C-alpha atoms as a PDB file:
ATOM      1  CA  MET A   1       0.000   0.000   0.000  1.00  0.00           C
ATOM      2  CA  LYS A   2       1.329   3.374  -0.981  1.00  0.00           C
ATOM      3  CA  LYS A   3       1.550   5.885   1.859  1.00  0.00           C
ATOM      4  CA  ILE A   4       0.042   9.340   1.461  1.00  0.00           C
ATOM      5  CA  ARG A   5       2.255  12.126   2.744  1.00  0.00           C
ATOM      6  CA  LYS A   6       1.103  15.746   2.928  1.00  0.00           C
ATOM      7  CA  SER A   7       2.276  18.683   4.971  1.00  0.00           C
ATOM      8  CA  LEU A   8       0.005  20.070   7.686  1.00  0.00           C
ATOM      9  CA  ASP A   9      -0.608  23.088   5.451  1.00  0.00           C
ATOM     10  CA  GLU A  10      -1.741  20.804   2.627  1.00  0.00           C
ATOM     11  CA  TRP A  11      -4.111  18.927   4.959  1.00  0.00           C
ATOM     12  CA  LYS A  12      -5.402  22.229   6.341  1.00  0.00           C
ATOM     13  CA  SER A  13      -6.245  23.404   2.813  1.00  0.00           C
ATOM     14  CA  ILE A  14      -8.422  20.353   2.059  1.00  0.00           C
ATOM     15  CA  LEU A  15     -10.050  19.549   5.428  1.00  0.00           C
ATOM     16  CA  ASP A  16     -12.552  21.582   7.437  1.00  0.00           C
ATOM     17  CA  GLY A  17     -11.303  22.863  10.804  1.00  0.00           C
ATOM     18  CA  LYS A  18     -12.915  20.190  12.979  1.00  0.00           C
ATOM     19  CA  THR A  19     -11.786  17.324  10.746  1.00  0.00           C
ATOM     20  CA  PHE A  20      -8.260  18.756  10.597  1.00  0.00           C
ATOM     21  CA  HIS A  21      -8.118  19.039  14.391  1.00  0.00           C
ATOM     22  CA  ILE A  22      -9.307  15.454  14.915  1.00  0.00           C
ATOM     23  CA  THR A  23      -7.371  13.706  12.147  1.00  0.00           C
ATOM     24  CA  ARG A  24      -4.129  15.691  12.068  1.00  0.00           C
ATOM     25  CA  GLU A  25      -3.866  16.953  15.684  1.00  0.00           C
ATOM     26  CA  ALA A  26      -5.323  13.870  17.452  1.00  0.00           C
ATOM     27  CA  GLY A  27      -8.375  15.756  18.647  1.00  0.00           C
ATOM     28  CA  THR A  28     -11.574  14.178  19.942  1.00  0.00           C
ATOM     29  CA  GLU A  29     -15.216  14.938  19.242  1.00  0.00           C
ATOM     30  CA  THR A  30     -17.520  15.790  22.092  1.00  0.00           C
ATOM     31  CA  PRO A  31     -19.364  12.555  22.982  1.00  0.00           C
ATOM     32  CA  PHE A  32     -22.735  11.958  21.269  1.00  0.00           C
ATOM     33  CA  THR A  33     -22.186  14.770  18.719  1.00  0.00           C
ATOM     34  CA  GLY A  34     -20.684  12.857  15.771  1.00  0.00           C
ATOM     35  CA  ILE A  35     -22.835  12.170  12.711  1.00  0.00           C
ATOM     36  CA  TYR A  36     -22.209   8.406  12.837  1.00  0.00           C
ATOM     37  CA  VAL A  37     -22.884   7.723  16.535  1.00  0.00           C
ATOM     38  CA  ASN A  38     -26.435   6.519  15.866  1.00  0.00           C
ATOM     39  CA  GLU A  39     -26.024   5.672  12.166  1.00  0.00           C
ATOM     40  CA  LYS A  40     -27.649   2.367  11.142  1.00  0.00           C
ATOM     41  CA  THR A  41     -27.066   2.500   7.369  1.00  0.00           C
ATOM     42  CA  LYS A  42     -25.276  -0.510   5.878  1.00  0.00           C
ATOM     43  CA  GLY A  43     -21.956   0.217   4.226  1.00  0.00           C
ATOM     44  CA  ILE A  44     -18.245   0.653   4.673  1.00  0.00           C
ATOM     45  CA  TYR A  45     -16.630   3.332   6.826  1.00  0.00           C
ATOM     46  CA  ASN A  46     -13.543   4.729   5.092  1.00  0.00           C
ATOM     47  CA  CYS A  47     -10.836   7.102   6.253  1.00  0.00           C
ATOM     48  CA  VAL A  48     -12.073  10.622   5.525  1.00  0.00           C
ATOM     49  CA  CYS A  49      -8.573  11.746   4.530  1.00  0.00           C
ATOM     50  CA  CYS A  50      -7.538   9.019   2.070  1.00  0.00           C
ATOM     51  CA  ASN A  51     -10.599   6.812   1.512  1.00  0.00           C
ATOM     52  CA  THR A  52      -8.972   3.624   2.888  1.00  0.00           C
ATOM     53  CA  GLU A  53     -11.561   1.027   3.922  1.00  0.00           C
ATOM     54  CA  LEU A  54     -11.568   0.664   7.704  1.00  0.00           C
ATOM     55  CA  PHE A  55     -14.793  -0.707   9.183  1.00  0.00           C
ATOM     56  CA  SER A  56     -17.932  -2.475   7.990  1.00  0.00           C
ATOM     57  CA  SER A  57     -21.344  -1.508   9.337  1.00  0.00           C
ATOM     58  CA  GLU A  58     -21.653  -5.223  10.178  1.00  0.00           C
ATOM     59  CA  SER A  59     -19.127  -4.731  13.009  1.00  0.00           C
ATOM     60  CA  LYS A  60     -20.633  -1.470  14.307  1.00  0.00           C
ATOM     61  CA  TYR A  61     -22.435  -1.592  17.649  1.00  0.00           C
ATOM     62  CA  ASP A  62     -23.813   0.746  20.304  1.00  0.00           C
ATOM     63  CA  SER A  63     -21.127   0.940  22.990  1.00  0.00           C
ATOM     64  CA  ARG A  64     -22.974   3.803  24.726  1.00  0.00           C
ATOM     65  CA  SER A  65     -19.645   5.624  24.819  1.00  0.00           C
ATOM     66  CA  GLY A  66     -20.753   8.540  22.624  1.00  0.00           C
ATOM     67  CA  TRP A  67     -18.593   7.584  19.635  1.00  0.00           C
ATOM     68  CA  PRO A  68     -19.108   5.153  16.772  1.00  0.00           C
ATOM     69  CA  SER A  69     -17.753   1.795  17.915  1.00  0.00           C
ATOM     70  CA  PHE A  70     -16.724  -1.299  15.988  1.00  0.00           C
ATOM     71  CA  PHE A  71     -15.608  -4.731  17.202  1.00  0.00           C
ATOM     72  CA  GLU A  72     -13.316  -5.412  14.247  1.00  0.00           C
ATOM     73  CA  ILE A  73     -11.503  -3.727  11.395  1.00  0.00           C
ATOM     74  CA  ILE A  74     -11.804  -4.778   7.737  1.00  0.00           C
ATOM     75  CA  ASP A  75      -8.053  -5.318   7.317  1.00  0.00           C
ATOM     76  CA  GLN A  76      -5.472  -5.053  10.107  1.00  0.00           C
ATOM     77  CA  ASN A  77      -2.975  -3.767   7.522  1.00  0.00           C
ATOM     78  CA  ASN A  78      -5.094  -0.608   7.192  1.00  0.00           C
ATOM     79  CA  ILE A  79      -4.404   0.629  10.720  1.00  0.00           C
ATOM     80  CA  ILE A  80      -1.472   1.425  12.949  1.00  0.00           C
ATOM     81  CA  LYS A  81      -1.730   0.949  16.718  1.00  0.00           C
ATOM     82  CA  VAL A  82       0.335   3.275  18.925  1.00  0.00           C
ATOM     83  CA  LYS A  83       0.644   3.430  22.721  1.00  0.00           C
ATOM     84  CA  ASP A  84      -1.005   6.609  23.995  1.00  0.00           C
ATOM     85  CA  ASN A  85      -0.360   7.673  27.585  1.00  0.00           C
ATOM     86  CA  SER A  86      -1.799  11.175  27.196  1.00  0.00           C
ATOM     87  CA  HIS A  87      -4.319  12.660  29.627  1.00  0.00           C
ATOM     88  CA  GLY A  88      -3.173  10.281  32.377  1.00  0.00           C
ATOM     89  CA  MET A  89      -4.577   7.230  30.574  1.00  0.00           C
ATOM     90  CA  ASN A  90      -3.038   4.100  29.085  1.00  0.00           C
ATOM     91  CA  ARG A  91      -4.688   3.618  25.705  1.00  0.00           C
ATOM     92  CA  ILE A  92      -3.979   2.419  22.202  1.00  0.00           C
ATOM     93  CA  GLU A  93      -4.324   5.120  19.554  1.00  0.00           C
ATOM     94  CA  VAL A  94      -5.626   3.943  16.173  1.00  0.00           C
ATOM     95  CA  LEU A  95      -4.244   5.609  13.023  1.00  0.00           C
ATOM     96  CA  CYS A  96      -4.915   5.037   9.342  1.00  0.00           C
ATOM     97  CA  ALA A  97      -1.923   3.119   7.967  1.00  0.00           C
ATOM     98  CA  ILE A  98      -2.046   4.940   4.630  1.00  0.00           C
ATOM     99  CA  CYS A  99      -2.215   8.615   5.674  1.00  0.00           C
ATOM    100  CA  GLU A 100      -1.584   8.378   9.443  1.00  0.00           C
ATOM    101  CA  SER A 101      -4.867  10.104  10.229  1.00  0.00           C
ATOM    102  CA  HIS A 102      -5.885   9.888  13.894  1.00  0.00           C
ATOM    103  CA  LEU A 103      -9.058   7.795  14.039  1.00  0.00           C
ATOM    104  CA  GLY A 104      -9.642   7.167  17.737  1.00  0.00           C
ATOM    105  CA  HIS A 105      -8.668   4.528  20.294  1.00  0.00           C
ATOM    106  CA  LEU A 106      -8.820   0.781  20.825  1.00  0.00           C
ATOM    107  CA  PHE A 107     -10.053  -0.777  24.074  1.00  0.00           C
ATOM    108  CA  ASP A 108     -10.404  -4.368  25.280  1.00  0.00           C
ATOM    109  CA  ASP A 109     -13.997  -4.017  26.510  1.00  0.00           C
ATOM    110  CA  GLY A 110     -15.932  -4.775  23.320  1.00  0.00           C
ATOM    111  CA  PRO A 111     -18.352  -7.566  22.484  1.00  0.00           C
ATOM    112  CA  GLN A 112     -17.508 -11.022  21.231  1.00  0.00           C
ATOM    113  CA  PRO A 113     -16.240 -12.435  19.004  1.00  0.00           C
ATOM    114  CA  THR A 114     -13.221 -10.095  19.330  1.00  0.00           C
ATOM    115  CA  GLY A 115     -13.677  -8.401  22.709  1.00  0.00           C
ATOM    116  CA  LYS A 116     -12.379  -5.198  21.054  1.00  0.00           C
ATOM    117  CA  ARG A 117     -13.908  -1.721  20.918  1.00  0.00           C
ATOM    118  CA  TYR A 118     -12.564   0.551  18.224  1.00  0.00           C
ATOM    119  CA  CYS A 119     -13.861   3.880  19.546  1.00  0.00           C
ATOM    120  CA  ILE A 120     -13.679   6.131  16.493  1.00  0.00           C
ATOM    121  CA  ASN A 121     -14.396   9.816  15.833  1.00  0.00           C
ATOM    122  CA  SER A 122     -17.158  10.384  13.263  1.00  0.00           C
ATOM    123  CA  ASN A 123     -15.105  13.208  11.739  1.00  0.00           C
ATOM    124  CA  SER A 124     -12.350  10.743  10.830  1.00  0.00           C
ATOM    125  CA  LEU A 125     -14.772   8.574   8.840  1.00  0.00           C
ATOM    126  CA  LYS A 126     -16.718   8.697   5.590  1.00  0.00           C
ATOM    127  CA  LEU A 127     -19.600   6.223   5.181  1.00  0.00           C
ATOM    128  CA  ILE A 128     -19.872   4.640   1.751  1.00  0.00           C
ATOM    129  CA  LYS A 129     -23.426   3.348   1.705  1.00  0.00           C
ATOM    130  CA  GLY A 130     -23.952  -0.231   0.591  1.00  0.00           C
ATOM    131  CA  GLU A 131     -26.871  -2.477  -0.114  1.00  0.00           C
END
């Protein structure tokens, strides 16, 4: 997979302010405000910055956390996991492997069959509706 590299100024010129803050500065949406929190449409959730396929609606569930949550990723090669000890927490940050966009965090409190919760910002995603 070919990596996408852009300067912060290039990203700033193509992303709106909120999306730039979340994806390029590791920001976080206010809980329960993202457009995909309660989304039930079938489809594939892609990276908003580079269109890489990340999550299927089939793995989306209501974690009651305030962010879209998924119990598995389409392809593990499409993400990077990084230790994140910011804000006094021990977490795993999830990045897009192609453009290194900040997506959200990974926790071990999700449903079976994986036990994982990919807690993802709506602003880092683009839903491609399916049938």
